[in-house]
Protein backbone atom coordinates (compact mmCIF):
# COMPACT_ATOMS: atom_id res chain seq x y z
CA MET A 1 -39.57 -71.88 9.55
CA SER A 2 -35.83 -71.44 9.64
CA PRO A 3 -33.99 -71.40 12.96
CA GLN A 4 -32.46 -68.07 13.87
CA THR A 5 -29.05 -67.90 15.45
CA GLU A 6 -27.98 -64.86 17.38
CA ILE A 7 -24.48 -63.78 16.47
CA HIS A 8 -24.76 -60.34 18.00
CA ASP A 9 -24.36 -61.35 21.66
CA GLU A 10 -20.82 -61.58 22.99
CA PRO A 11 -20.04 -63.59 26.09
CA SER A 12 -19.53 -61.53 29.21
CA ALA A 13 -16.09 -63.09 29.73
CA SER A 14 -14.94 -61.63 26.42
CA LYS A 15 -16.11 -58.18 27.46
CA ALA A 16 -14.36 -58.54 30.81
CA VAL A 17 -11.09 -59.39 29.09
CA LEU A 18 -11.41 -56.35 26.83
CA TRP A 19 -12.09 -54.10 29.84
CA LEU A 20 -9.05 -55.54 31.66
CA LEU A 21 -6.83 -54.95 28.63
CA ALA A 22 -8.11 -51.41 28.22
CA GLY A 23 -7.54 -50.76 31.93
CA GLY A 24 -4.00 -52.11 31.71
CA VAL A 25 -3.17 -49.89 28.76
CA GLY A 26 -4.65 -46.91 30.58
CA LEU A 27 -2.61 -47.61 33.70
CA LEU A 28 0.57 -47.92 31.64
CA LEU A 29 -0.12 -44.56 30.01
CA LEU A 30 -0.79 -42.92 33.38
CA ALA A 31 2.40 -44.40 34.82
CA GLY A 32 4.36 -43.07 31.85
CA LEU A 33 2.88 -39.61 32.24
CA LEU A 34 3.68 -39.61 35.96
CA LEU A 35 7.26 -40.67 35.24
CA TRP A 36 7.65 -37.96 32.61
CA TRP A 37 6.19 -35.33 34.94
CA ARG A 38 8.45 -36.24 37.85
CA GLU A 39 11.71 -37.20 36.12
CA GLY A 40 11.68 -35.17 32.95
CA ASP A 41 11.57 -36.20 29.35
CA ARG A 42 15.23 -37.26 29.19
CA LEU A 43 14.94 -39.91 31.88
CA PHE A 44 11.57 -41.00 30.56
CA THR A 45 13.01 -41.53 27.08
CA ASP A 46 16.02 -43.42 28.46
CA GLY A 47 13.76 -45.57 30.61
CA LEU A 48 11.44 -46.25 27.71
CA ILE A 49 14.29 -47.32 25.46
CA ALA A 50 15.69 -49.55 28.22
CA ALA A 51 12.27 -51.13 28.82
CA ILE A 52 11.81 -51.82 25.11
CA LEU A 53 15.26 -53.35 24.84
CA ALA A 54 14.62 -55.48 27.92
CA CYS A 55 11.66 -57.06 26.14
CA PHE A 56 13.93 -58.33 23.40
């Protein structure tokens, strides 16, 4: 008899991290849509460019 190892099960911590990352991305998208809706596409684009440049 050969021992069977289960590779299919992921730890619950790994799934929690994936859910947190997905939630963070979703919140960023919602915040961007709210900013675009309230301030207009010009200010949204300027803010997005400034945020990207601030990362570097």
